[in-house]
């Protein structure tokens, strides 16, 4: 089992920045990818960004590509999502997820094995 704890959400104004933090604990040695997803009210969950521990690569959805940055710490159990120039359309619950022992890159959403509880991000205009 892997436990994921997200933090760093909040309410900000358009143009502000936030940094989300996801800390993994438990059996983390097999993690191959950690990703950030979000779900806005009335919408389906969507991928925001993902980081491959196997390949040292990152991927982003187009709408955040020049504003968000995913990174990890040296011990590989914490992943960050730096969100700059936030927009009202970024408002959502943000979830962290971990994919274990998977060579596919990037993994499909259904391939992620563990999920956090989510942290709310609200951006007002």
Protein backbone atom coordinates (compact mmCIF):
# COMPACT_ATOMS: atom_id res chain seq x y z
CA UNK A 1 0.00 0.00 0.00
CA UNK A 2 1.02 3.55 -0.70
CA UNK A 3 -0.51 6.49 1.13
CA UNK A 4 -0.61 9.86 -0.59
CA UNK A 5 -1.17 13.14 1.21
CA UNK A 6 -1.74 16.36 -0.71
CA UNK A 7 -1.35 19.85 0.65
CA UNK A 8 -0.91 23.38 -0.56
CA UNK A 9 -4.33 24.16 -1.97
CA UNK A 10 -6.15 27.36 -1.20
CA UNK A 11 -8.08 30.34 -2.50
CA UNK A 12 -6.17 32.85 -4.59
CA UNK A 13 -6.70 35.59 -7.14
CA UNK A 14 -6.15 35.15 -10.86
CA UNK A 15 -2.48 35.56 -11.66
CA UNK A 16 -1.31 34.27 -8.29
CA UNK A 17 0.74 31.14 -7.64
CA UNK A 18 0.34 28.04 -5.51
CA UNK A 19 2.54 25.04 -4.90
CA UNK A 20 0.88 21.70 -4.28
CA UNK A 21 2.76 19.02 -2.41
CA UNK A 22 2.14 15.28 -2.52
CA UNK A 23 3.97 13.11 -0.03
CA UNK A 24 4.00 9.34 -0.46
CA UNK A 25 4.49 6.84 2.33
CA UNK A 26 4.32 3.08 2.69
CA UNK A 27 5.62 0.78 -0.04
CA UNK A 28 7.00 3.50 -2.28
CA UNK A 29 9.94 1.61 -3.75
CA UNK A 30 7.98 0.47 -6.80
CA UNK A 31 6.60 3.84 -7.83
CA UNK A 32 7.11 4.46 -11.53
CA UNK A 33 4.99 7.59 -12.06
CA UNK A 34 3.34 10.18 -9.88
CA UNK A 35 0.71 12.38 -11.38
CA UNK A 36 -1.57 15.29 -10.62
CA UNK A 37 -5.19 15.25 -11.69
CA UNK A 38 -8.03 17.69 -11.14
CA UNK A 39 -11.79 17.63 -11.14
CA UNK A 40 -13.93 20.72 -11.40
CA UNK A 41 -17.60 20.72 -10.35
CA UNK A 42 -19.72 18.99 -12.95
CA UNK A 43 -16.73 17.92 -15.01
CA UNK A 44 -14.76 14.73 -15.43
CA UNK A 45 -11.41 14.25 -13.78
CA UNK A 46 -8.53 15.22 -16.05
CA UNK A 47 -4.80 14.76 -16.07
CA UNK A 48 -2.80 17.87 -15.22
CA UNK A 49 0.78 16.63 -15.14
CA UNK A 50 2.81 13.51 -14.52
CA UNK A 51 6.40 12.71 -13.68
CA UNK A 52 8.15 9.48 -14.61
CA UNK A 53 10.61 8.13 -12.06
CA UNK A 54 11.81 5.63 -14.67
CA UNK A 55 12.63 8.14 -17.40
CA UNK A 56 13.02 11.43 -15.54
CA UNK A 57 10.41 12.93 -17.84
CA UNK A 58 7.35 15.09 -17.33
CA UNK A 59 4.18 15.61 -19.29
CA UNK A 60 1.47 18.29 -19.04
CA UNK A 61 -1.95 18.97 -20.42
CA UNK A 62 -1.81 21.74 -23.00
CA UNK A 63 -3.75 24.30 -20.97
CA UNK A 64 -1.15 24.32 -18.17
CA UNK A 65 2.04 23.59 -20.09
CA UNK A 66 3.60 27.05 -19.79
CA UNK A 67 2.30 27.77 -16.29
CA UNK A 68 2.67 24.60 -14.20
CA UNK A 69 5.79 22.63 -13.32
CA UNK A 70 5.92 19.17 -11.79
CA UNK A 71 9.02 18.13 -9.90
CA UNK A 72 10.16 15.64 -7.29
CA UNK A 73 12.49 15.69 -4.34
CA UNK A 74 15.70 13.68 -4.19
CA UNK A 75 14.34 10.78 -2.20
CA UNK A 76 11.50 10.32 -4.65
CA UNK A 77 8.66 10.34 -2.16
CA UNK A 78 7.45 13.90 -2.63
CA UNK A 79 6.17 15.47 -5.82
CA UNK A 80 5.39 19.13 -6.26
CA UNK A 81 3.14 20.99 -8.65
CA UNK A 82 4.15 24.61 -8.97
CA UNK A 83 1.22 26.52 -10.43
CA UNK A 84 1.87 30.02 -11.73
CA UNK A 85 -0.38 32.57 -13.41
CA UNK A 86 -3.45 30.77 -12.12
CA UNK A 87 -6.74 31.26 -13.93
CA UNK A 88 -10.33 30.84 -12.74
CA UNK A 89 -10.61 27.78 -14.99
CA UNK A 90 -7.93 26.11 -12.87
CA UNK A 91 -10.42 25.92 -10.01
CA UNK A 92 -10.85 22.27 -9.06
CA UNK A 93 -10.01 19.62 -6.53
CA UNK A 94 -6.47 18.47 -7.27
CA UNK A 95 -5.54 14.85 -6.68
CA UNK A 96 -2.18 13.16 -6.50
CA UNK A 97 -1.82 9.60 -7.78
CA UNK A 98 0.91 6.97 -7.92
CA UNK A 99 1.48 4.28 -10.50
CA UNK A 100 3.58 1.30 -9.47
CA UNK A 101 5.78 -1.00 -11.50
CA UNK A 102 4.55 0.20 -14.89
CA UNK A 103 6.87 0.76 -17.85
CA UNK A 104 4.17 2.57 -19.84
CA UNK A 105 4.72 6.29 -20.23
CA UNK A 106 2.66 8.20 -19.71
CA UNK A 107 0.28 5.83 -17.97
CA UNK A 108 -3.43 6.00 -18.57
CA UNK A 109 -5.55 7.30 -15.71
CA UNK A 110 -6.92 3.83 -14.96
CA UNK A 111 -3.39 2.50 -14.51
CA UNK A 112 -2.71 4.57 -11.42
CA UNK A 113 -2.83 2.40 -8.35
CA UNK A 114 -3.18 4.80 -5.43
CA UNK A 115 -4.89 8.14 -5.01
CA UNK A 116 -4.85 10.91 -2.46
CA UNK A 117 -7.91 12.58 -0.98
CA UNK A 118 -7.46 15.81 -2.91
CA UNK A 119 -6.85 19.45 -2.12
CA UNK A 120 -9.09 22.31 -3.21
CA UNK A 121 -7.76 25.07 -5.43
CA UNK A 122 -10.02 28.05 -5.99
CA UNK A 123 -9.02 30.90 -8.28
CA UNK A 124 -11.19 33.99 -8.37
CA UNK A 125 -11.14 36.65 -11.06
